[in-house]
């Protein structure tokens, strides 16, 4: 598991709305406001709007939030 450096996480924002992102495991940075997931590839966030995945399913959105907060469900 590749962990992103906390200093990097502190300055990363969503490229679309410039708001904070949640870390979902070592797989995604997630913007719950827009429901957009940005993948983390080999420890490097891919913050390209065109490559983000939009989460439309409410259950998947909740799973992302739960994983970001350390809960499992």
PDB file of N, CA and C in Angstrom:
ATOM      1  N   UNK A   1       0.847  -1.188   0.000  1.00  0.00           N
ATOM      2  CA  UNK A   1       0.000   0.000   0.000  1.00  0.00           C
ATOM      3  C   UNK A   1       0.885   1.242   0.000  1.00  0.00           C
ATOM      4  N   UNK A   2       0.638   2.128  -0.925  1.00  0.00           N
ATOM      5  CA  UNK A   2       1.374   3.370  -1.003  1.00  0.00           C
ATOM      6  C   UNK A   2       0.585   4.448  -0.280  1.00  0.00           C
ATOM      7  N   UNK A   3       1.208   5.087   0.683  1.00  0.00           N
ATOM      8  CA  UNK A   3       0.537   6.134   1.442  1.00  0.00           C
ATOM      9  C   UNK A   3       1.029   7.477   0.928  1.00  0.00           C
ATOM     10  N   UNK A   4       0.083   8.352   0.628  1.00  0.00           N
ATOM     11  CA  UNK A   4       0.455   9.681   0.171  1.00  0.00           C
ATOM     12  C   UNK A   4       0.981  10.497   1.338  1.00  0.00           C
ATOM     13  N   UNK A   5       1.968  11.295   1.080  1.00  0.00           N
ATOM     14  CA  UNK A   5       2.554  12.155   2.088  1.00  0.00           C
ATOM     15  C   UNK A   5       1.516  13.154   2.604  1.00  0.00           C
ATOM     16  N   UNK A   6       1.455  13.340   3.919  1.00  0.00           N
ATOM     17  CA  UNK A   6       0.465  14.234   4.516  1.00  0.00           C
ATOM     18  C   UNK A   6       0.619  15.666   4.014  1.00  0.00           C
ATOM     19  N   UNK A   7       1.842  16.123   3.784  1.00  0.00           N
ATOM     20  CA  UNK A   7       2.048  17.482   3.267  1.00  0.00           C
ATOM     21  C   UNK A   7       1.410  17.640   1.894  1.00  0.00           C
ATOM     22  N   UNK A   8       1.535  16.594   1.080  1.00  0.00           N
ATOM     23  CA  UNK A   8       0.913  16.628  -0.243  1.00  0.00           C
ATOM     24  C   UNK A   8      -0.613  16.653  -0.109  1.00  0.00           C
ATOM     25  N   UNK A   9      -1.136  15.805   0.767  1.00  0.00           N
ATOM     26  CA  UNK A   9      -2.587  15.749   0.962  1.00  0.00           C
ATOM     27  C   UNK A   9      -3.144  17.081   1.450  1.00  0.00           C
ATOM     28  N   UNK A  10      -2.370  17.796   2.258  1.00  0.00           N
ATOM     29  CA  UNK A  10      -2.820  19.069   2.805  1.00  0.00           C
ATOM     30  C   UNK A  10      -3.005  20.139   1.730  1.00  0.00           C
ATOM     31  N   UNK A  11      -2.290  20.021   0.612  1.00  0.00           N
ATOM     32  CA  UNK A  11      -2.383  21.054  -0.419  1.00  0.00           C
ATOM     33  C   UNK A  11      -3.204  20.632  -1.638  1.00  0.00           C
ATOM     34  N   UNK A  12      -3.492  19.339  -1.762  1.00  0.00           N
ATOM     35  CA  UNK A  12      -4.268  18.875  -2.917  1.00  0.00           C
ATOM     36  C   UNK A  12      -5.729  19.295  -2.792  1.00  0.00           C
ATOM     37  N   UNK A  13      -6.289  19.768  -3.882  1.00  0.00           N
ATOM     38  CA  UNK A  13      -7.702  20.116  -3.950  1.00  0.00           C
ATOM     39  C   UNK A  13      -8.286  19.558  -5.247  1.00  0.00           C
ATOM     40  N   UNK A  14      -9.583  19.496  -5.303  1.00  0.00           N
ATOM     41  CA  UNK A  14     -10.253  19.067  -6.522  1.00  0.00           C
ATOM     42  C   UNK A  14      -9.986  20.101  -7.621  1.00  0.00           C
ATOM     43  N   UNK A  15      -9.586  19.668  -8.797  1.00  0.00           N
ATOM     44  CA  UNK A  15      -9.330  20.621  -9.876  1.00  0.00           C
ATOM     45  C   UNK A  15     -10.596  21.285 -10.402  1.00  0.00           C
ATOM     46  N   UNK A  16     -11.756  20.710 -10.077  1.00  0.00           N
ATOM     47  CA  UNK A  16     -13.006  21.258 -10.591  1.00  0.00           C
ATOM     48  C   UNK A  16     -13.599  22.330  -9.678  1.00  0.00           C
ATOM     49  N   UNK A  17     -13.728  22.032  -8.367  1.00  0.00           N
ATOM     50  CA  UNK A  17     -14.335  23.027  -7.479  1.00  0.00           C
ATOM     51  C   UNK A  17     -13.366  23.604  -6.454  1.00  0.00           C
ATOM     52  N   UNK A  18     -12.113  23.164  -6.512  1.00  0.00           N
ATOM     53  CA  UNK A  18     -11.033  23.660  -5.654  1.00  0.00           C
ATOM     54  C   UNK A  18     -11.249  23.361  -4.174  1.00  0.00           C
ATOM     55  N   UNK A  19     -12.133  22.416  -3.872  1.00  0.00           N
ATOM     56  CA  UNK A  19     -12.407  22.025  -2.494  1.00  0.00           C
ATOM     57  C   UNK A  19     -11.548  20.856  -2.065  1.00  0.00           C
ATOM     58  N   UNK A  20     -11.586  20.534  -0.764  1.00  0.00           N
ATOM     59  CA  UNK A  20     -10.775  19.437  -0.236  1.00  0.00           C
ATOM     60  C   UNK A  20     -11.233  18.074  -0.743  1.00  0.00           C
ATOM     61  N   UNK A  21     -10.308  17.137  -0.716  1.00  0.00           N
ATOM     62  CA  UNK A  21     -10.566  15.766  -1.165  1.00  0.00           C
ATOM     63  C   UNK A  21     -10.391  14.796  -0.007  1.00  0.00           C
ATOM     64  N   UNK A  22     -11.145  13.712  -0.041  1.00  0.00           N
ATOM     65  CA  UNK A  22     -11.018  12.640   0.941  1.00  0.00           C
ATOM     66  C   UNK A  22     -10.139  11.548   0.352  1.00  0.00           C
ATOM     67  N   UNK A  23      -9.318  10.944   1.197  1.00  0.00           N
ATOM     68  CA  UNK A  23      -8.466   9.829   0.767  1.00  0.00           C
ATOM     69  C   UNK A  23      -9.238   8.537   0.988  1.00  0.00           C
ATOM     70  N   UNK A  24      -9.406   7.762  -0.073  1.00  0.00           N
ATOM     71  CA  UNK A  24     -10.111   6.477  -0.007  1.00  0.00           C
ATOM     72  C   UNK A  24      -9.079   5.380  -0.242  1.00  0.00           C
ATOM     73  N   UNK A  25      -8.594   4.822   0.868  1.00  0.00           N
ATOM     74  CA  UNK A  25      -7.544   3.806   0.776  1.00  0.00           C
ATOM     75  C   UNK A  25      -6.338   4.349   0.039  1.00  0.00           C
ATOM     76  N   UNK A  26      -5.740   3.499  -0.769  1.00  0.00           N
ATOM     77  CA  UNK A  26      -4.632   3.959  -1.607  1.00  0.00           C
ATOM     78  C   UNK A  26      -5.064   3.985  -3.065  1.00  0.00           C
ATOM     79  N   UNK A  27      -6.402   4.042  -3.265  1.00  0.00           N
ATOM     80  CA  UNK A  27      -6.958   3.953  -4.611  1.00  0.00           C
ATOM     81  C   UNK A  27      -7.467   5.270  -5.183  1.00  0.00           C
ATOM     82  N   UNK A  28      -8.100   6.096  -4.338  1.00  0.00           N
ATOM     83  CA  UNK A  28      -8.786   7.282  -4.844  1.00  0.00           C
ATOM     84  C   UNK A  28      -8.631   8.484  -3.924  1.00  0.00           C
ATOM     85  N   UNK A  29      -8.749   9.659  -4.530  1.00  0.00           N
ATOM     86  CA  UNK A  29      -9.061  10.889  -3.820  1.00  0.00           C
ATOM     87  C   UNK A  29     -10.488  11.199  -4.238  1.00  0.00           C
ATOM     88  N   UNK A  30     -11.348  11.489  -3.262  1.00  0.00           N
ATOM     89  CA  UNK A  30     -12.778  11.602  -3.553  1.00  0.00           C
ATOM     90  C   UNK A  30     -13.312  12.972  -3.169  1.00  0.00           C
ATOM     91  N   UNK A  31     -14.069  13.556  -4.078  1.00  0.00           N
ATOM     92  CA  UNK A  31     -14.774  14.805  -3.827  1.00  0.00           C
ATOM     93  C   UNK A  31     -16.244  14.456  -3.604  1.00  0.00           C
ATOM     94  N   UNK A  32     -16.701  14.435  -2.341  1.00  0.00           N
ATOM     95  CA  UNK A  32     -18.083  14.048  -2.079  1.00  0.00           C
ATOM     96  C   UNK A  32     -19.100  15.102  -2.525  1.00  0.00           C
ATOM     97  N   UNK A  33     -18.682  16.328  -2.691  1.00  0.00           N
ATOM     98  CA  UNK A  33     -19.608  17.384  -3.124  1.00  0.00           C
ATOM     99  C   UNK A  33     -20.044  17.160  -4.573  1.00  0.00           C
ATOM    100  N   UNK A  34     -19.086  16.790  -5.421  1.00  0.00           N
ATOM    101  CA  UNK A  34     -19.364  16.547  -6.842  1.00  0.00           C
ATOM    102  C   UNK A  34     -19.485  15.066  -7.158  1.00  0.00           C
ATOM    103  N   UNK A  35     -19.196  14.220  -6.133  1.00  0.00           N
ATOM    104  CA  UNK A  35     -19.209  12.762  -6.301  1.00  0.00           C
ATOM    105  C   UNK A  35     -18.255  12.320  -7.404  1.00  0.00           C
ATOM    106  N   UNK A  36     -17.040  12.869  -7.344  1.00  0.00           N
ATOM    107  CA  UNK A  36     -16.027  12.533  -8.340  1.00  0.00           C
ATOM    108  C   UNK A  36     -14.838  11.887  -7.656  1.00  0.00           C
ATOM    109  N   UNK A  37     -14.387  10.768  -8.223  1.00  0.00           N
ATOM    110  CA  UNK A  37     -13.249  10.024  -7.694  1.00  0.00           C
ATOM    111  C   UNK A  37     -12.072  10.158  -8.659  1.00  0.00           C
ATOM    112  N   UNK A  38     -10.942  10.545  -8.102  1.00  0.00           N
ATOM    113  CA  UNK A  38      -9.701  10.666  -8.865  1.00  0.00           C
ATOM    114  C   UNK A  38      -8.789   9.524  -8.438  1.00  0.00           C
ATOM    115  N   UNK A  39      -8.325   8.728  -9.376  1.00  0.00           N
ATOM    116  CA  UNK A  39      -7.526   7.561  -9.027  1.00  0.00           C
ATOM    117  C   UNK A  39      -6.129   7.971  -8.565  1.00  0.00           C
ATOM    118  N   UNK A  40      -5.548   7.097  -7.775  1.00  0.00           N
ATOM    119  CA  UNK A  40      -4.157   7.228  -7.356  1.00  0.00           C
ATOM    120  C   UNK A  40      -3.418   6.081  -8.040  1.00  0.00           C
ATOM    121  N   UNK A  41      -2.457   6.434  -8.850  1.00  0.00           N
ATOM    122  CA  UNK A  41      -1.729   5.445  -9.651  1.00  0.00           C
ATOM    123  C   UNK A  41      -0.264   5.412  -9.222  1.00  0.00           C
ATOM    124  N   UNK A  42       0.160   4.286  -8.669  1.00  0.00           N
ATOM    125  CA  UNK A  42       1.534   4.137  -8.183  1.00  0.00           C
ATOM    126  C   UNK A  42       1.911   5.252  -7.204  1.00  0.00           C
ATOM    127  N   UNK A  43       0.959   5.619  -6.344  1.00  0.00           N
ATOM    128  CA  UNK A  43       1.210   6.639  -5.338  1.00  0.00           C
ATOM    129  C   UNK A  43       1.096   8.068  -5.830  1.00  0.00           C
ATOM    130  N   UNK A  44       0.687   8.247  -7.090  1.00  0.00           N
ATOM    131  CA  UNK A  44       0.576   9.584  -7.674  1.00  0.00           C
ATOM    132  C   UNK A  44      -0.888   9.875  -8.005  1.00  0.00           C
ATOM    133  N   UNK A  45      -1.468  10.919  -7.411  1.00  0.00           N
ATOM    134  CA  UNK A  45      -2.860  11.269  -7.729  1.00  0.00           C
ATOM    135  C   UNK A  45      -2.977  11.739  -9.179  1.00  0.00           C
ATOM    136  N   UNK A  46      -3.997  11.252  -9.865  1.00  0.00           N
ATOM    137  CA  UNK A  46      -4.275  11.669 -11.242  1.00  0.00           C
ATOM    138  C   UNK A  46      -5.463  12.628 -11.164  1.00  0.00           C
ATOM    139  N   UNK A  47      -5.155  13.912 -11.045  1.00  0.00           N
ATOM    140  CA  UNK A  47      -6.189  14.923 -10.839  1.00  0.00           C
ATOM    141  C   UNK A  47      -6.583  15.584 -12.155  1.00  0.00           C
ATOM    142  N   UNK A  48      -7.027  14.754 -13.084  1.00  0.00           N
ATOM    143  CA  UNK A  48      -7.494  15.232 -14.378  1.00  0.00           C
ATOM    144  C   UNK A  48      -9.007  15.080 -14.429  1.00  0.00           C
ATOM    145  N   UNK A  49      -9.713  16.167 -14.647  1.00  0.00           N
ATOM    146  CA  UNK A  49     -11.176  16.141 -14.653  1.00  0.00           C
ATOM    147  C   UNK A  49     -11.695  15.121 -15.650  1.00  0.00           C
ATOM    148  N   UNK A  50     -11.087  15.057 -16.818  1.00  0.00           N
ATOM    149  CA  UNK A  50     -11.546  14.130 -17.858  1.00  0.00           C
ATOM    150  C   UNK A  50     -11.383  12.666 -17.478  1.00  0.00           C
ATOM    151  N   UNK A  51     -10.503  12.369 -16.528  1.00  0.00           N
ATOM    152  CA  UNK A  51     -10.263  10.985 -16.125  1.00  0.00           C
ATOM    153  C   UNK A  51     -10.923  10.626 -14.801  1.00  0.00           C
ATOM    154  N   UNK A  52     -11.589  11.576 -14.172  1.00  0.00           N
ATOM    155  CA  UNK A  52     -12.285  11.302 -12.914  1.00  0.00           C
ATOM    156  C   UNK A  52     -13.511  10.429 -13.188  1.00  0.00           C
ATOM    157  N   UNK A  53     -13.876   9.663 -12.171  1.00  0.00           N
ATOM    158  CA  UNK A  53     -15.056   8.806 -12.258  1.00  0.00           C
ATOM    159  C   UNK A  53     -16.165   9.456 -11.443  1.00  0.00           C
ATOM    160  N   UNK A  54     -17.318   9.663 -12.063  1.00  0.00           N
ATOM    161  CA  UNK A  54     -18.461  10.216 -11.351  1.00  0.00           C
ATOM    162  C   UNK A  54     -19.238   9.083 -10.696  1.00  0.00           C
ATOM    163  N   UNK A  55     -19.482   9.222  -9.406  1.00  0.00           N
ATOM    164  CA  UNK A  55     -20.200   8.219  -8.632  1.00  0.00           C
ATOM    165  C   UNK A  55     -21.677   8.623  -8.595  1.00  0.00           C
ATOM    166  N   UNK A  56     -22.511   7.898  -9.327  1.00  0.00           N
ATOM    167  CA  UNK A  56     -23.932   8.243  -9.396  1.00  0.00           C
ATOM    168  C   UNK A  56     -24.780   7.414  -8.440  1.00  0.00           C
ATOM    169  N   UNK A  57     -24.276   6.260  -8.061  1.00  0.00           N
ATOM    170  CA  UNK A  57     -25.018   5.357  -7.183  1.00  0.00           C
ATOM    171  C   UNK A  57     -24.876   5.812  -5.722  1.00  0.00           C
ATOM    172  N   UNK A  58     -26.010   5.994  -5.024  1.00  0.00           N
ATOM    173  CA  UNK A  58     -25.983   6.451  -3.637  1.00  0.00           C
ATOM    174  C   UNK A  58     -25.239   5.476  -2.728  1.00  0.00           C
ATOM    175  N   UNK A  59     -25.404   4.178  -2.949  1.00  0.00           N
ATOM    176  CA  UNK A  59     -24.734   3.181  -2.113  1.00  0.00           C
ATOM    177  C   UNK A  59     -23.222   3.248  -2.319  1.00  0.00           C
ATOM    178  N   UNK A  60     -22.772   3.423  -3.549  1.00  0.00           N
ATOM    179  CA  UNK A  60     -21.341   3.532  -3.820  1.00  0.00           C
ATOM    180  C   UNK A  60     -20.775   4.815  -3.196  1.00  0.00           C
ATOM    181  N   UNK A  61     -21.527   5.896  -3.286  1.00  0.00           N
ATOM    182  CA  UNK A  61     -21.127   7.161  -2.650  1.00  0.00           C
ATOM    183  C   UNK A  61     -20.924   6.941  -1.149  1.00  0.00           C
ATOM    184  N   UNK A  62     -21.853   6.257  -0.514  1.00  0.00           N
ATOM    185  CA  UNK A  62     -21.747   5.999   0.920  1.00  0.00           C
ATOM    186  C   UNK A  62     -20.554   5.107   1.237  1.00  0.00           C
ATOM    187  N   UNK A  63     -20.299   4.111   0.386  1.00  0.00           N
ATOM    188  CA  UNK A  63     -19.126   3.250   0.584  1.00  0.00           C
ATOM    189  C   UNK A  63     -17.834   4.066   0.509  1.00  0.00           C
ATOM    190  N   UNK A  64     -17.776   4.997  -0.424  1.00  0.00           N
ATOM    191  CA  UNK A  64     -16.590   5.854  -0.542  1.00  0.00           C
ATOM    192  C   UNK A  64     -16.418   6.683   0.732  1.00  0.00           C
ATOM    193  N   UNK A  65     -17.504   7.253   1.235  1.00  0.00           N
ATOM    194  CA  UNK A  65     -17.432   8.038   2.469  1.00  0.00           C
ATOM    195  C   UNK A  65     -17.011   7.167   3.643  1.00  0.00           C
ATOM    196  N   UNK A  66     -17.579   5.968   3.738  1.00  0.00           N
ATOM    197  CA  UNK A  66     -17.234   5.063   4.833  1.00  0.00           C
ATOM    198  C   UNK A  66     -15.762   4.661   4.772  1.00  0.00           C
ATOM    199  N   UNK A  67     -15.281   4.340   3.594  1.00  0.00           N
ATOM    200  CA  UNK A  67     -13.872   3.957   3.456  1.00  0.00           C
ATOM    201  C   UNK A  67     -12.950   5.118   3.757  1.00  0.00           C
ATOM    202  N   UNK A  68     -13.365   6.323   3.396  1.00  0.00           N
ATOM    203  CA  UNK A  68     -12.539   7.502   3.657  1.00  0.00           C
ATOM    204  C   UNK A  68     -12.441   7.797   5.139  1.00  0.00           C
ATOM    205  N   UNK A  69     -13.488   7.488   5.885  1.00  0.00           N
ATOM    206  CA  UNK A  69     -13.485   7.762   7.316  1.00  0.00           C
ATOM    207  C   UNK A  69     -12.954   6.587   8.121  1.00  0.00           C
ATOM    208  N   UNK A  70     -12.581   5.510   7.433  1.00  0.00           N
ATOM    209  CA  UNK A  70     -12.037   4.350   8.121  1.00  0.00           C
ATOM    210  C   UNK A  70     -13.071   3.334   8.560  1.00  0.00           C
ATOM    211  N   UNK A  71     -14.334   3.592   8.257  1.00  0.00           N
ATOM    212  CA  UNK A  71     -15.388   2.639   8.603  1.00  0.00           C
ATOM    213  C   UNK A  71     -15.474   1.603   7.499  1.00  0.00           C
ATOM    214  N   UNK A  72     -16.041   0.457   7.808  1.00  0.00           N
ATOM    215  CA  UNK A  72     -16.304  -0.569   6.801  1.00  0.00           C
ATOM    216  C   UNK A  72     -17.786  -0.863   6.812  1.00  0.00           C
ATOM    217  N   UNK A  73     -18.295  -1.270   5.680  1.00  0.00           N
ATOM    218  CA  UNK A  73     -19.728  -1.493   5.648  1.00  0.00           C
ATOM    219  C   UNK A  73     -20.166  -2.332   4.501  1.00  0.00           C
TER     220      UNK A  73
END
